[in-house]
Amino acid sequence: MLAGCDRGPVPAKSLFVSFVPVPDVLSVQALNAMIDEWDAADEGRRIGSRARTVGEFLAIERPLLRPLPEEPFETGRWFTPHVDRFSQVTVRTNKYAVPARPAPRLGPRHLRRARRGRQA
């Protein structure tokens, strides 16, 4: 019986590559409107054979959600990423692919999350 890394090479046909299309929008507001349309359409979706739709479950959970705080707070971190020889940038413990063409030196970058056009 072979163990762990002794199983040999992985056949090329078993590799799966998926590309996520980038929405073609002119502004953040247009992107937020597009996402709102997707959310509205998704509320009528039923997952598997569940008795309620996504929107009905959301209506049940909505009163339990806490509101976002009124005062601003920092949601990101400053990093100085370095592109390695495999065209990857490491942020904390995660590696992210970057374009393979020679990239300019990246200075400090501030990574943050945004929710519906405003920072959360």
PDB file of N, CA and C in Angstrom:
ATOM      1  N   MET A   1       0.845  -1.180   0.000  1.00  0.00           N
ATOM      2  CA  MET A   1       0.000   0.000   0.000  1.00  0.00           C
ATOM      3  C   MET A   1       0.882   1.231   0.000  1.00  0.00           C
ATOM      4  N   LEU A   2       0.602   2.162  -0.891  1.00  0.00           N
ATOM      5  CA  LEU A   2       1.365   3.389  -0.977  1.00  0.00           C
ATOM      6  C   LEU A   2       0.815   4.408   0.000  1.00  0.00           C
ATOM      7  N   ALA A   3       1.691   5.243   0.538  1.00  0.00           N
ATOM      8  CA  ALA A   3       1.257   6.222   1.529  1.00  0.00           C
ATOM      9  C   ALA A   3       1.607   7.632   1.056  1.00  0.00           C
ATOM     10  N   GLY A   4       0.761   8.574   1.412  1.00  0.00           N
ATOM     11  CA  GLY A   4       1.011   9.994   1.220  1.00  0.00           C
ATOM     12  C   GLY A   4       1.622  10.357  -0.107  1.00  0.00           C
ATOM     13  N   CYS A   5       2.875  10.808  -0.078  1.00  0.00           N
ATOM     14  CA  CYS A   5       3.530  11.312  -1.277  1.00  0.00           C
ATOM     15  C   CYS A   5       4.120  10.193  -2.135  1.00  0.00           C
ATOM     16  N   ASP A   6       3.938   8.910  -1.786  1.00  0.00           N
ATOM     17  CA  ASP A   6       4.487   7.797  -2.544  1.00  0.00           C
ATOM     18  C   ASP A   6       3.554   7.326  -3.655  1.00  0.00           C
ATOM     19  N   ARG A   7       2.469   8.039  -3.893  1.00  0.00           N
ATOM     20  CA  ARG A   7       1.474   7.580  -4.858  1.00  0.00           C
ATOM     21  C   ARG A   7       1.824   7.935  -6.289  1.00  0.00           C
ATOM     22  N   GLY A   8       2.869   8.644  -6.508  1.00  0.00           N
ATOM     23  CA  GLY A   8       3.277   8.966  -7.868  1.00  0.00           C
ATOM     24  C   GLY A   8       2.678  10.266  -8.351  1.00  0.00           C
ATOM     25  N   PRO A   9       2.975  10.621  -9.613  1.00  0.00           N
ATOM     26  CA  PRO A   9       2.483  11.899 -10.141  1.00  0.00           C
ATOM     27  C   PRO A   9       0.971  11.887 -10.351  1.00  0.00           C
ATOM     28  N   VAL A  10       0.387  13.056 -10.258  1.00  0.00           N
ATOM     29  CA  VAL A  10      -1.042  13.210 -10.489  1.00  0.00           C
ATOM     30  C   VAL A  10      -1.262  13.357 -11.987  1.00  0.00           C
ATOM     31  N   PRO A  11      -2.157  12.570 -12.562  1.00  0.00           N
ATOM     32  CA  PRO A  11      -2.412  12.699 -14.004  1.00  0.00           C
ATOM     33  C   PRO A  11      -2.941  14.092 -14.334  1.00  0.00           C
ATOM     34  N   ALA A  12      -2.520  14.636 -15.460  1.00  0.00           N
ATOM     35  CA  ALA A  12      -2.905  15.987 -15.859  1.00  0.00           C
ATOM     36  C   ALA A  12      -4.412  16.125 -16.036  1.00  0.00           C
ATOM     37  N   LYS A  13      -5.087  15.060 -16.434  1.00  0.00           N
ATOM     38  CA  LYS A  13      -6.527  15.173 -16.658  1.00  0.00           C
ATOM     39  C   LYS A  13      -7.313  15.355 -15.367  1.00  0.00           C
ATOM     40  N   SER A  14      -6.708  15.082 -14.214  1.00  0.00           N
ATOM     41  CA  SER A  14      -7.436  15.236 -12.962  1.00  0.00           C
ATOM     42  C   SER A  14      -7.307  16.644 -12.385  1.00  0.00           C
ATOM     43  N   LEU A  15      -6.493  17.505 -13.012  1.00  0.00           N
ATOM     44  CA  LEU A  15      -6.357  18.871 -12.539  1.00  0.00           C
ATOM     45  C   LEU A  15      -7.535  19.694 -13.036  1.00  0.00           C
ATOM     46  N   PHE A  16      -8.013  20.605 -12.208  1.00  0.00           N
ATOM     47  CA  PHE A  16      -9.171  21.421 -12.556  1.00  0.00           C
ATOM     48  C   PHE A  16      -8.803  22.884 -12.379  1.00  0.00           C
ATOM     49  N   VAL A  17      -9.034  23.675 -13.405  1.00  0.00           N
ATOM     50  CA  VAL A  17      -8.760  25.101 -13.348  1.00  0.00           C
ATOM     51  C   VAL A  17     -10.066  25.829 -13.618  1.00  0.00           C
ATOM     52  N   SER A  18     -10.381  26.793 -12.771  1.00  0.00           N
ATOM     53  CA  SER A  18     -11.606  27.554 -12.936  1.00  0.00           C
ATOM     54  C   SER A  18     -11.266  29.039 -12.888  1.00  0.00           C
ATOM     55  N   PHE A  19     -11.780  29.795 -13.843  1.00  0.00           N
ATOM     56  CA  PHE A  19     -11.570  31.227 -13.871  1.00  0.00           C
ATOM     57  C   PHE A  19     -12.879  31.926 -13.546  1.00  0.00           C
ATOM     58  N   VAL A  20     -12.838  32.885 -12.650  1.00  0.00           N
ATOM     59  CA  VAL A  20     -14.020  33.644 -12.281  1.00  0.00           C
ATOM     60  C   VAL A  20     -14.065  34.890 -13.153  1.00  0.00           C
ATOM     61  N   PRO A  21     -15.158  35.102 -13.878  1.00  0.00           N
ATOM     62  CA  PRO A  21     -15.221  36.288 -14.728  1.00  0.00           C
ATOM     63  C   PRO A  21     -15.285  37.566 -13.891  1.00  0.00           C
ATOM     64  N   VAL A  22     -14.615  38.591 -14.354  1.00  0.00           N
ATOM     65  CA  VAL A  22     -14.620  39.880 -13.675  1.00  0.00           C
ATOM     66  C   VAL A  22     -15.782  40.690 -14.233  1.00  0.00           C
ATOM     67  N   PRO A  23     -16.682  41.181 -13.375  1.00  0.00           N
ATOM     68  CA  PRO A  23     -17.814  41.966 -13.880  1.00  0.00           C
ATOM     69  C   PRO A  23     -17.322  43.218 -14.605  1.00  0.00           C
ATOM     70  N   ASP A  24     -17.972  43.545 -15.711  1.00  0.00           N
ATOM     71  CA  ASP A  24     -17.624  44.719 -16.496  1.00  0.00           C
ATOM     72  C   ASP A  24     -18.520  45.865 -16.057  1.00  0.00           C
ATOM     73  N   VAL A  25     -18.027  46.690 -15.137  1.00  0.00           N
ATOM     74  CA  VAL A  25     -18.797  47.819 -14.611  1.00  0.00           C
ATOM     75  C   VAL A  25     -17.942  49.080 -14.678  1.00  0.00           C
ATOM     76  N   LEU A  26     -18.617  50.212 -14.647  1.00  0.00           N
ATOM     77  CA  LEU A  26     -17.912  51.494 -14.748  1.00  0.00           C
ATOM     78  C   LEU A  26     -17.614  52.123 -13.395  1.00  0.00           C
ATOM     79  N   SER A  27     -18.309  51.680 -12.343  1.00  0.00           N
ATOM     80  CA  SER A  27     -18.105  52.293 -11.031  1.00  0.00           C
ATOM     81  C   SER A  27     -18.429  51.296  -9.931  1.00  0.00           C
ATOM     82  N   VAL A  28     -18.041  51.639  -8.731  1.00  0.00           N
ATOM     83  CA  VAL A  28     -18.350  50.805  -7.563  1.00  0.00           C
ATOM     84  C   VAL A  28     -19.858  50.795  -7.333  1.00  0.00           C
ATOM     85  N   GLN A  29     -20.510  51.927  -7.598  1.00  0.00           N
ATOM     86  CA  GLN A  29     -21.965  51.995  -7.425  1.00  0.00           C
ATOM     87  C   GLN A  29     -22.671  51.042  -8.384  1.00  0.00           C
ATOM     88  N   ALA A  30     -22.184  50.963  -9.617  1.00  0.00           N
ATOM     89  CA  ALA A  30     -22.776  50.030 -10.585  1.00  0.00           C
ATOM     90  C   ALA A  30     -22.557  48.589 -10.155  1.00  0.00           C
ATOM     91  N   LEU A  31     -21.375  48.299  -9.600  1.00  0.00           N
ATOM     92  CA  LEU A  31     -21.099  46.954  -9.104  1.00  0.00           C
ATOM     93  C   LEU A  31     -22.016  46.622  -7.935  1.00  0.00           C
ATOM     94  N   ASN A  32     -22.205  47.566  -7.015  1.00  0.00           N
ATOM     95  CA  ASN A  32     -23.095  47.329  -5.882  1.00  0.00           C
ATOM     96  C   ASN A  32     -24.531  47.096  -6.339  1.00  0.00           C
ATOM     97  N   ALA A  33     -24.982  47.837  -7.361  1.00  0.00           N
ATOM     98  CA  ALA A  33     -26.333  47.629  -7.900  1.00  0.00           C
ATOM     99  C   ALA A  33     -26.451  46.240  -8.509  1.00  0.00           C
ATOM    100  N   MET A  34     -25.410  45.803  -9.192  1.00  0.00           N
ATOM    101  CA  MET A  34     -25.410  44.467  -9.795  1.00  0.00           C
ATOM    102  C   MET A  34     -25.486  43.390  -8.700  1.00  0.00           C
ATOM    103  N   ILE A  35     -24.725  43.577  -7.638  1.00  0.00           N
ATOM    104  CA  ILE A  35     -24.735  42.610  -6.531  1.00  0.00           C
ATOM    105  C   ILE A  35     -26.095  42.598  -5.842  1.00  0.00           C
ATOM    106  N   ASP A  36     -26.720  43.772  -5.694  1.00  0.00           N
ATOM    107  CA  ASP A  36     -28.069  43.830  -5.106  1.00  0.00           C
ATOM    108  C   ASP A  36     -29.073  43.050  -5.951  1.00  0.00           C
ATOM    109  N   GLU A  37     -28.950  43.132  -7.276  1.00  0.00           N
ATOM    110  CA  GLU A  37     -29.838  42.364  -8.160  1.00  0.00           C
ATOM    111  C   GLU A  37     -29.614  40.868  -7.968  1.00  0.00           C
ATOM    112  N   TRP A  38     -28.357  40.460  -7.866  1.00  0.00           N
ATOM    113  CA  TRP A  38     -28.054  39.038  -7.648  1.00  0.00           C
ATOM    114  C   TRP A  38     -28.625  38.570  -6.315  1.00  0.00           C
ATOM    115  N   ASP A  39     -28.492  39.412  -5.272  1.00  0.00           N
ATOM    116  CA  ASP A  39     -29.025  39.051  -3.955  1.00  0.00           C
ATOM    117  C   ASP A  39     -30.542  38.891  -3.998  1.00  0.00           C
ATOM    118  N   ALA A  40     -31.224  39.817  -4.665  1.00  0.00           N
ATOM    119  CA  ALA A  40     -32.682  39.743  -4.761  1.00  0.00           C
ATOM    120  C   ALA A  40     -33.117  38.480  -5.498  1.00  0.00           C
ATOM    121  N   ALA A  41     -32.397  38.136  -6.560  1.00  0.00           N
ATOM    122  CA  ALA A  41     -32.722  36.917  -7.299  1.00  0.00           C
ATOM    123  C   ALA A  41     -32.446  35.673  -6.461  1.00  0.00           C
ATOM    124  N   ASP A  42     -31.420  35.735  -5.630  1.00  0.00           N
ATOM    125  CA  ASP A  42     -31.035  34.583  -4.823  1.00  0.00           C
ATOM    126  C   ASP A  42     -32.022  34.315  -3.686  1.00  0.00           C
ATOM    127  N   GLU A  43     -32.759  35.334  -3.246  1.00  0.00           N
ATOM    128  CA  GLU A  43     -33.684  35.141  -2.128  1.00  0.00           C
ATOM    129  C   GLU A  43     -34.814  34.177  -2.461  1.00  0.00           C
ATOM    130  N   GLY A  44     -35.113  33.990  -3.730  1.00  0.00           N
ATOM    131  CA  GLY A  44     -36.154  33.040  -4.110  1.00  0.00           C
ATOM    132  C   GLY A  44     -35.648  31.627  -4.295  1.00  0.00           C
ATOM    133  N   ARG A  45     -34.344  31.440  -4.160  1.00  0.00           N
ATOM    134  CA  ARG A  45     -33.745  30.120  -4.383  1.00  0.00           C
ATOM    135  C   ARG A  45     -34.022  29.184  -3.201  1.00  0.00           C
ATOM    136  N   ARG A  46     -34.232  27.932  -3.509  1.00  0.00           N
ATOM    137  CA  ARG A  46     -34.439  26.909  -2.479  1.00  0.00           C
ATOM    138  C   ARG A  46     -33.246  25.967  -2.511  1.00  0.00           C
ATOM    139  N   ILE A  47     -32.645  25.735  -1.367  1.00  0.00           N
ATOM    140  CA  ILE A  47     -31.473  24.862  -1.278  1.00  0.00           C
ATOM    141  C   ILE A  47     -31.938  23.432  -1.058  1.00  0.00           C
ATOM    142  N   GLY A  48     -31.614  22.586  -2.025  1.00  0.00           N
ATOM    143  CA  GLY A  48     -31.988  21.177  -1.918  1.00  0.00           C
ATOM    144  C   GLY A  48     -33.483  21.019  -1.734  1.00  0.00           C
ATOM    145  N   SER A  49     -33.855  20.218  -0.756  1.00  0.00           N
ATOM    146  CA  SER A  49     -35.275  19.977  -0.488  1.00  0.00           C
ATOM    147  C   SER A  49     -35.728  20.669   0.795  1.00  0.00           C
ATOM    148  N   ARG A  50     -35.059  21.755   1.144  1.00  0.00           N
ATOM    149  CA  ARG A  50     -35.443  22.476   2.366  1.00  0.00           C
ATOM    150  C   ARG A  50     -36.821  23.083   2.204  1.00  0.00           C
ATOM    151  N   ALA A  51     -37.512  23.231   3.320  1.00  0.00           N
ATOM    152  CA  ALA A  51     -38.894  23.699   3.304  1.00  0.00           C
ATOM    153  C   ALA A  51     -39.007  25.177   2.963  1.00  0.00           C
ATOM    154  N   ARG A  52     -37.976  25.956   3.253  1.00  0.00           N
ATOM    155  CA  ARG A  52     -38.033  27.399   3.038  1.00  0.00           C
ATOM    156  C   ARG A  52     -36.997  27.843   2.014  1.00  0.00           C
ATOM    157  N   THR A  53     -37.250  29.030   1.428  1.00  0.00           N
ATOM    158  CA  THR A  53     -36.296  29.610   0.487  1.00  0.00           C
ATOM    159  C   THR A  53     -35.211  30.348   1.255  1.00  0.00           C
ATOM    160  N   VAL A  54     -34.180  30.768   0.550  1.00  0.00           N
ATOM    161  CA  VAL A  54     -33.092  31.528   1.160  1.00  0.00           C
ATOM    162  C   VAL A  54     -33.641  32.813   1.774  1.00  0.00           C
ATOM    163  N   GLY A  55     -34.561  33.483   1.077  1.00  0.00           N
ATOM    164  CA  GLY A  55     -35.162  34.721   1.583  1.00  0.00           C
ATOM    165  C   GLY A  55     -35.968  34.504   2.850  1.00  0.00           C
ATOM    166  N   GLU A  56     -36.676  33.383   2.924  1.00  0.00           N
ATOM    167  CA  GLU A  56     -37.458  33.091   4.138  1.00  0.00           C
ATOM    168  C   GLU A  56     -36.544  32.828   5.320  1.00  0.00           C
ATOM    169  N   PHE A  57     -35.447  32.105   5.096  1.00  0.00           N
ATOM    170  CA  PHE A  57     -34.485  31.889   6.177  1.00  0.00           C
ATOM    171  C   PHE A  57     -33.843  33.211   6.610  1.00  0.00           C
ATOM    172  N   LEU A  58     -33.568  34.091   5.638  1.00  0.00           N
ATOM    173  CA  LEU A  58     -32.985  35.387   5.959  1.00  0.00           C
ATOM    174  C   LEU A  58     -33.949  36.212   6.808  1.00  0.00           C
ATOM    175  N   ALA A  59     -35.237  36.175   6.482  1.00  0.00           N
ATOM    176  CA  ALA A  59     -36.233  36.916   7.259  1.00  0.00           C
ATOM    177  C   ALA A  59     -36.285  36.423   8.701  1.00  0.00           C
ATOM    178  N   ILE A  60     -36.063  35.136   8.913  1.00  0.00           N
ATOM    179  CA  ILE A  60     -36.046  34.580  10.274  1.00  0.00           C
ATOM    180  C   ILE A  60     -34.809  35.042  11.029  1.00  0.00           C
ATOM    181  N   GLU A  61     -33.656  35.069  10.338  1.00  0.00           N
ATOM    182  CA  GLU A  61     -32.394  35.403  11.004  1.00  0.00           C
ATOM    183  C   GLU A  61     -32.139  36.901  11.124  1.00  0.00           C
ATOM    184  N   ARG A  62     -32.739  37.707  10.261  1.00  0.00           N
ATOM    185  CA  ARG A  62     -32.450  39.143  10.241  1.00  0.00           C
ATOM    186  C   ARG A  62     -32.618  39.821  11.606  1.00  0.00           C
ATOM    187  N   PRO A  63     -33.670  39.547  12.386  1.00  0.00           N
ATOM    188  CA  PRO A  63     -33.795  40.204  13.696  1.00  0.00           C
ATOM    189  C   PRO A  63     -32.672  39.827  14.672  1.00  0.00           C
ATOM    190  N   LEU A  64     -31.994  38.728  14.417  1.00  0.00           N
ATOM    191  CA  LEU A  64     -30.929  38.285  15.305  1.00  0.00           C
ATOM    192  C   LEU A  64     -29.577  38.927  14.973  1.00  0.00           C
ATOM    193  N   LEU A  65     -29.478  39.570  13.799  1.00  0.00           N
ATOM    194  CA  LEU A  65     -28.224  40.187  13.391  1.00  0.00           C
ATOM    195  C   LEU A  65     -28.031  41.520  14.103  1.00  0.00           C
ATOM    196  N   ARG A  66     -26.814  41.787  14.506  1.00  0.00           N
ATOM    197  CA  ARG A  66     -26.502  43.059  15.149  1.00  0.00           C
ATOM    198  C   ARG A  66     -26.169  44.092  14.080  1.00  0.00           C
ATOM    199  N   PRO A  67     -26.514  45.354  14.307  1.00  0.00           N
ATOM    200  CA  PRO A  67     -26.200  46.380  13.304  1.00  0.00           C
ATOM    201  C   PRO A  67     -24.702  46.673  13.262  1.00  0.00           C
ATOM    202  N   LEU A  68     -24.264  47.219  12.131  1.00  0.00           N
ATOM    203  CA  LEU A  68     -22.873  47.648  12.032  1.00  0.00           C
ATOM    204  C   LEU A  68     -22.660  48.829  12.966  1.00  0.00           C
ATOM    205  N   PRO A  69     -21.484  48.953  13.543  1.00  0.00           N
ATOM    206  CA  PRO A  69     -21.227  50.078  14.451  1.00  0.00           C
ATOM    207  C   PRO A  69     -21.260  51.414  13.700  1.00  0.00           C
ATOM    208  N   GLU A  70     -21.666  52.459  14.383  1.00  0.00           N
ATOM    209  CA  GLU A  70     -21.738  53.786  13.785  1.00  0.00           C
ATOM    210  C   GLU A  70     -20.351  54.407  13.607  1.00  0.00           C
ATOM    211  N   GLU A  71     -19.461  54.178  14.576  1.00  0.00           N
ATOM    212  CA  GLU A  71     -18.132  54.782  14.500  1.00  0.00           C
ATOM    213  C   GLU A  71     -17.257  53.989  13.529  1.00  0.00           C
ATOM    214  N   PRO A  72     -16.378  54.679  12.792  1.00  0.00           N
ATOM    215  CA  PRO A  72     -15.501  53.978  11.858  1.00  0.00           C
ATOM    216  C   PRO A  72     -14.448  53.152  12.598  1.00  0.00           C
ATOM    217  N   PHE A  73     -14.056  52.057  11.996  1.00  0.00           N
ATOM    218  CA  PHE A  73     -12.997  51.240  12.568  1.00  0.00           C
ATOM    219  C   PHE A  73     -12.211  50.605  11.439  1.00  0.00           C
ATOM    220  N   GLU A  74     -10.978  50.296  11.721  1.00  0.00           N
ATOM    221  CA  GLU A  74     -10.070  49.763  10.710  1.00  0.00           C
ATOM    222  C   GLU A  74     -10.407  48.307  10.416  1.00  0.00           C
ATOM    223  N   THR A  75     -10.554  47.993   9.142  1.00  0.00           N
ATOM    224  CA  THR A  75     -10.883  46.620   8.763  1.00  0.00           C
ATOM    225  C   THR A  75      -9.771  45.952   7.979  1.00  0.00           C
ATOM    226  N   GLY A  76      -8.656  46.611   7.853  1.00  0.00           N
ATOM    227  CA  GLY A  76      -7.576  46.048   7.042  1.00  0.00           C
ATOM    228  C   GLY A  76      -6.265  46.015   7.785  1.00  0.00           C
ATOM    229  N   ARG A  77      -5.249  45.556   7.098  1.00  0.00           N
ATOM    230  CA  ARG A  77      -3.890  45.474   7.625  1.00  0.00           C
ATOM    231  C   ARG A  77      -2.927  45.925   6.549  1.00  0.00           C
ATOM    232  N   TRP A  78      -1.830  46.509   6.959  1.00  0.00           N
ATOM    233  CA  TRP A  78      -0.788  46.898   6.022  1.00  0.00           C
ATOM    234  C   TRP A  78       0.178  45.753   5.836  1.00  0.00           C
ATOM    235  N   PHE A  79       0.480  45.438   4.567  1.00  0.00           N
ATOM    236  CA  PHE A  79       1.437  44.395   4.227  1.00  0.00           C
ATOM    237  C   PHE A  79       2.403  44.933   3.179  1.00  0.00           C
ATOM    238  N   THR A  80       3.583  44.412   3.160  1.00  0.00           N
ATOM    239  CA  THR A  80       4.540  44.702   2.097  1.00  0.00           C
ATOM    240  C   THR A  80       4.786  43.390   1.372  1.00  0.00           C
ATOM    241  N   PRO A  81       3.991  43.125   0.343  1.00  0.00           N
ATOM    242  CA  PRO A  81       4.105  41.833  -0.339  1.00  0.00           C
ATOM    243  C   PRO A  81       5.330  41.775  -1.250  1.00  0.00           C
ATOM    244  N   HIS A  82       5.869  40.596  -1.404  1.00  0.00           N
ATOM    245  CA  HIS A  82       6.983  40.348  -2.306  1.00  0.00           C
ATOM    246  C   HIS A  82       6.583  39.231  -3.262  1.00  0.00           C
ATOM    247  N   VAL A  83       6.834  39.436  -4.533  1.00  0.00           N
ATOM    248  CA  VAL A  83       6.518  38.429  -5.538  1.00  0.00           C
ATOM    249  C   VAL A  83       7.674  37.444  -5.592  1.00  0.00           C
ATOM    250  N   ASP A  84       7.372  36.146  -5.426  1.00  0.00           N
ATOM    251  CA  ASP A  84       8.426  35.140  -5.468  1.00  0.00           C
ATOM    252  C   ASP A  84       8.649  34.665  -6.910  1.00  0.00           C
ATOM    253  N   ARG A  85       9.533  33.719  -7.096  1.00  0.00           N
ATOM    254  CA  ARG A  85       9.877  33.260  -8.444  1.00  0.00           C
ATOM    255  C   ARG A  85       8.752  32.474  -9.105  1.00  0.00           C
ATOM    256  N   PHE A  86       7.729  32.109  -8.348  1.00  0.00           N
ATOM    257  CA  PHE A  86       6.580  31.394  -8.896  1.00  0.00           C
ATOM    258  C   PHE A  86       5.410  32.336  -9.180  1.00  0.00           C
ATOM    259  N   SER A  87       5.670  33.638  -9.177  1.00  0.00           N
ATOM    260  CA  SER A  87       4.638  34.663  -9.401  1.00  0.00           C
ATOM    261  C   SER A  87       3.530  34.564  -8.364  1.00  0.00           C
ATOM    262  N   GLN A  88       3.926  34.416  -7.117  1.00  0.00           N
ATOM    263  CA  GLN A  88       2.971  34.367  -6.015  1.00  0.00           C
ATOM    264  C   GLN A  88       3.353  35.390  -4.963  1.00  0.00           C
ATOM    265  N   VAL A  89       2.329  35.923  -4.308  1.00  0.00           N
ATOM    266  CA  VAL A  89       2.510  36.845  -3.197  1.00  0.00           C
ATOM    267  C   VAL A  89       2.000  36.136  -1.956  1.00  0.00           C
ATOM    268  N   THR A  90       2.769  36.179  -0.882  1.00  0.00           N
ATOM    269  CA  THR A  90       2.348  35.555   0.367  1.00  0.00           C
ATOM    270  C   THR A  90       1.836  36.630   1.312  1.00  0.00           C
ATOM    271  N   VAL A  91       0.602  36.449   1.777  1.00  0.00           N
ATOM    272  CA  VAL A  91       0.001  37.327   2.772  1.00  0.00           C
ATOM    273  C   VAL A  91      -0.339  36.454   3.956  1.00  0.00           C
ATOM    274  N   ARG A  92       0.350  36.701   5.047  1.00  0.00           N
ATOM    275  CA  ARG A  92       0.271  35.864   6.238  1.00  0.00           C
ATOM    276  C   ARG A  92       0.610  34.425   5.852  1.00  0.00           C
ATOM    277  N   THR A  93      -0.344  33.507   5.866  1.00  0.00           N
ATOM    278  CA  THR A  93      -0.028  32.119   5.516  1.00  0.00           C
ATOM    279  C   THR A  93      -0.601  31.716   4.166  1.00  0.00           C
ATOM    280  N   ASN A  94      -1.213  32.661   3.439  1.00  0.00           N
ATOM    281  CA  ASN A  94      -1.854  32.349   2.168  1.00  0.00           C
ATOM    282  C   ASN A  94      -1.031  32.857   0.997  1.00  0.00           C
ATOM    283  N   LYS A  95      -1.031  32.088  -0.081  1.00  0.00           N
ATOM    284  CA  LYS A  95      -0.329  32.489  -1.299  1.00  0.00           C
ATOM    285  C   LYS A  95      -1.358  32.859  -2.355  1.00  0.00           C
ATOM    286  N   TYR A  96      -1.094  33.968  -3.058  1.00  0.00           N
ATOM    287  CA  TYR A  96      -1.979  34.448  -4.105  1.00  0.00           C
ATOM    288  C   TYR A  96      -1.187  34.602  -5.391  1.00  0.00           C
ATOM    289  N   ALA A  97      -1.755  34.140  -6.496  1.00  0.00           N
ATOM    290  CA  ALA A  97      -1.095  34.246  -7.789  1.00  0.00           C
ATOM    291  C   ALA A  97      -1.205  35.677  -8.298  1.00  0.00           C
ATOM    292  N   VAL A  98      -0.146  36.142  -8.930  1.00  0.00           N
ATOM    293  CA  VAL A  98      -0.133  37.461  -9.554  1.00  0.00           C
ATOM    294  C   VAL A  98       0.272  37.263 -11.008  1.00  0.00           C
ATOM    295  N   PRO A  99       0.079  38.255 -11.867  1.00  0.00           N
ATOM    296  CA  PRO A  99       0.464  38.091 -13.269  1.00  0.00           C
ATOM    297  C   PRO A  99       1.925  37.669 -13.406  1.00  0.00           C
ATOM    298  N   ALA A 100       2.198  36.801 -14.378  1.00  0.00           N
ATOM    299  CA  ALA A 100       3.532  36.247 -14.540  1.00  0.00           C
ATOM    300  C   ALA A 100       4.507  37.232 -15.180  1.00  0.00           C
ATOM    301  N   ARG A 101       3.994  38.269 -15.846  1.00  0.00           N
ATOM    302  CA  ARG A 101       4.911  39.243 -16.447  1.00  0.00           C
ATOM    303  C   ARG A 101       5.658  39.981 -15.333  1.00  0.00           C
ATOM    304  N   PRO A 102       6.811  40.510 -15.630  1.00  0.00           N
ATOM    305  CA  PRO A 102       7.567  41.208 -14.587  1.00  0.00           C
ATOM    306  C   PRO A 102       6.725  42.329 -13.974  1.00  0.00           C
ATOM    307  N   ALA A 103       6.582  42.268 -12.691  1.00  0.00           N
ATOM    308  CA  ALA A 103       5.770  43.241 -11.973  1.00  0.00           C
ATOM    309  C   ALA A 103       6.673  44.294 -11.344  1.00  0.00           C
ATOM    310  N   PRO A 104       6.179  45.517 -11.236  1.00  0.00           N
ATOM    311  CA  PRO A 104       6.971  46.529 -10.538  1.00  0.00           C
ATOM    312  C   PRO A 104       7.059  46.177  -9.063  1.00  0.00           C
ATOM    313  N   ARG A 105       8.029  46.734  -8.402  1.00  0.00           N
ATOM    314  CA  ARG A 105       8.155  46.495  -6.967  1.00  0.00           C
ATOM    315  C   ARG A 105       6.903  47.012  -6.273  1.00  0.00           C
ATOM    316  N   LEU A 106       6.318  46.172  -5.461  1.00  0.00           N
ATOM    317  CA  LEU A 106       5.121  46.578  -4.741  1.00  0.00           C
ATOM    318  C   LEU A 106       5.521  47.208  -3.424  1.00  0.00           C
ATOM    319  N   GLY A 107       4.983  48.359  -3.173  1.00  0.00           N
ATOM    320  CA  GLY A 107       5.212  49.007  -1.885  1.00  0.00           C
ATOM    321  C   GLY A 107       4.195  48.499  -0.892  1.00  0.00           C
ATOM    322  N   PRO A 108       4.095  49.129   0.246  1.00  0.00           N
ATOM    323  CA  PRO A 108       3.102  48.699   1.238  1.00  0.00           C
ATOM    324  C   PRO A 108       1.695  48.762   0.646  1.00  0.00           C
ATOM    325  N   ARG A 109       0.913  47.764   0.939  1.00  0.00           N
ATOM    326  CA  ARG A 109      -0.464  47.696   0.471  1.00  0.00           C
ATOM    327  C   ARG A 109      -1.367  47.528   1.679  1.00  0.00           C
ATOM    328  N   HIS A 110      -2.523  48.153   1.601  1.00  0.00           N
ATOM    329  CA  HIS A 110      -3.498  48.055   2.673  1.00  0.00           C
ATOM    330  C   HIS A 110      -4.637  47.189   2.189  1.00  0.00           C
ATOM    331  N   LEU A 111      -4.818  46.032   2.786  1.00  0.00           N
ATOM    332  CA  LEU A 111      -5.871  45.111   2.390  1.00  0.00           C
ATOM    333  C   LEU A 111      -7.047  45.295   3.333  1.00  0.00           C
ATOM    334  N   ARG A 112      -8.228  45.435   2.761  1.00  0.00           N
ATOM    335  CA  ARG A 112      -9.403  45.614   3.598  1.00  0.00           C
ATOM    336  C   ARG A 112     -10.613  44.990   2.941  1.00  0.00           C
ATOM    337  N   ARG A 113     -11.615  44.773   3.747  1.00  0.00           N
ATOM    338  CA  ARG A 113     -12.874  44.231   3.254  1.00  0.00           C
ATOM    339  C   ARG A 113     -13.868  45.365   3.124  1.00  0.00           C
ATOM    340  N   ALA A 114     -14.764  45.242   2.162  1.00  0.00           N
ATOM    341  CA  ALA A 114     -15.821  46.239   1.993  1.00  0.00           C
ATOM    342  C   ALA A 114     -17.129  45.495   1.853  1.00  0.00           C
ATOM    343  N   ARG A 115     -18.177  46.082   2.395  1.00  0.00           N
ATOM    344  CA  ARG A 115     -19.500  45.487   2.285  1.00  0.00           C
ATOM    345  C   ARG A 115     -20.427  46.500   1.668  1.00  0.00           C
ATOM    346  N   ARG A 116     -20.977  46.154   0.521  1.00  0.00           N
ATOM    347  CA  ARG A 116     -21.960  46.976  -0.176  1.00  0.00           C
ATOM    348  C   ARG A 116     -21.516  48.438  -0.311  1.00  0.00           C
ATOM    349  N   GLY A 117     -20.309  48.630  -0.784  1.00  0.00           N
ATOM    350  CA  GLY A 117     -19.845  49.969  -1.096  1.00  0.00           C
ATOM    351  C   GLY A 117     -19.345  50.771   0.074  1.00  0.00           C
ATOM    352  N   ARG A 118     -19.527  50.291   1.282  1.00  0.00           N
ATOM    353  CA  ARG A 118     -18.991  51.000   2.425  1.00  0.00           C
ATOM    354  C   ARG A 118     -18.122  50.047   3.203  1.00  0.00           C
ATOM    355  N   GLN A 119     -17.173  50.601   3.880  1.00  0.00           N
ATOM    356  CA  GLN A 119     -16.272  49.727   4.627  1.00  0.00           C
ATOM    357  C   GLN A 119     -16.971  49.268   5.882  1.00  0.00           C
ATOM    358  N   ALA A 120     -16.810  47.990   6.163  1.00  0.00           N
ATOM    359  CA  ALA A 120     -17.491  47.425   7.331  1.00  0.00           C
ATOM    360  C   ALA A 120     -16.496  47.206   8.446  1.00  0.00           C
TER     361      ALA A 120
END
